[in-house]
Amino acid sequence: MRWASIVSLAIGALTYLALAFWWSSPVGAALPTFAIAFLLYRVWARAAKVGGDEAVESRHLAEVEGAEADAS
């Protein structure tokens, strides 16, 4: 489970509620909420080294052994 994403989403939701109902923001609530949740997740994911570092091998289906093309 990716706790960074869940916590970032929860903090983003609280940010939205705060900006939409308790404090007024000159740009609205959606943009600051997105920015805060995004930045929080990116910082946390980089600190925890979540994704991006492992090499992913990409192959086409035609290159996989045992896969035969149907000629019909």
Protein backbone atom coordinates (compact mmCIF):
# COMPACT_ATOMS: atom_id res chain seq x y z
CA MET A 1 0.00 0.00 0.00
CA ARG A 2 1.27 3.46 -0.85
CA TRP A 3 0.82 5.42 2.37
CA ALA A 4 2.30 8.52 0.79
CA SER A 5 -0.57 8.73 -1.67
CA ILE A 6 -3.26 8.10 0.94
CA VAL A 7 -1.89 10.68 3.38
CA SER A 8 -1.35 13.22 0.57
CA LEU A 9 -4.94 12.72 -0.56
CA ALA A 10 -6.26 13.18 2.98
CA ILE A 11 -4.22 16.34 3.51
CA GLY A 12 -5.39 17.60 0.13
CA ALA A 13 -9.02 16.97 1.12
CA LEU A 14 -8.53 18.84 4.39
CA THR A 15 -6.87 21.69 2.49
CA TYR A 16 -9.85 21.88 0.15
CA LEU A 17 -12.32 21.95 3.03
CA ALA A 18 -10.32 24.67 4.78
CA LEU A 19 -10.04 26.86 1.67
CA ALA A 20 -13.61 26.28 0.51
CA PHE A 21 -15.45 26.78 3.78
CA TRP A 22 -13.27 28.48 6.41
CA TRP A 23 -10.74 30.72 4.64
CA SER A 24 -11.15 32.45 1.34
CA SER A 25 -8.49 32.06 -1.32
CA PRO A 26 -8.09 34.49 -4.24
CA VAL A 27 -7.57 31.58 -6.67
CA GLY A 28 -10.23 29.29 -5.26
CA ALA A 29 -9.75 26.01 -3.45
CA ALA A 30 -9.04 23.48 -6.22
CA LEU A 31 -5.69 24.77 -7.51
CA PRO A 32 -3.99 25.18 -4.11
CA THR A 33 -5.37 21.79 -3.06
CA PHE A 34 -3.94 20.08 -6.14
CA ALA A 35 -0.59 21.83 -5.72
CA ILE A 36 -0.27 20.93 -2.03
CA ALA A 37 -1.27 17.27 -2.53
CA PHE A 38 1.01 16.91 -5.58
CA LEU A 39 4.05 18.50 -3.94
CA LEU A 40 3.55 16.59 -0.70
CA TYR A 41 3.35 13.29 -2.56
CA ARG A 42 6.39 14.04 -4.74
CA VAL A 43 8.55 15.01 -1.75
CA TRP A 44 7.43 11.98 0.24
CA ALA A 45 7.83 9.57 -2.69
CA ARG A 46 11.32 10.83 -3.48
CA ALA A 47 12.35 10.62 0.17
CA ALA A 48 11.04 7.05 0.34
CA LYS A 49 12.38 6.29 -3.16
CA VAL A 50 8.99 5.09 -4.41
CA GLY A 51 9.06 4.14 -8.09
CA GLY A 52 11.20 5.42 -10.90
CA ASP A 53 14.50 3.82 -9.91
CA GLU A 54 13.89 0.24 -10.90
CA ALA A 55 14.59 -0.68 -14.50
CA VAL A 56 11.52 -1.85 -16.39
CA GLU A 57 12.06 -4.12 -19.34
CA SER A 58 9.68 -3.40 -22.17
CA ARG A 59 9.08 -5.98 -24.88
CA HIS A 60 6.62 -6.23 -27.71
CA LEU A 61 4.23 -9.14 -27.76
CA ALA A 62 5.77 -10.36 -31.02
CA GLU A 63 9.18 -10.63 -29.31
CA VAL A 64 7.96 -12.85 -26.46
CA GLU A 65 8.99 -16.48 -26.82
CA GLY A 66 6.11 -18.86 -27.32
CA ALA A 67 3.79 -16.24 -28.76
CA GLU A 68 2.83 -17.20 -32.27
CA ALA A 69 1.08 -14.89 -34.68
CA ASP A 70 -2.26 -16.12 -35.96
CA ALA A 71 -2.04 -16.15 -39.76
CA SER A 72 -5.78 -16.26 -40.34
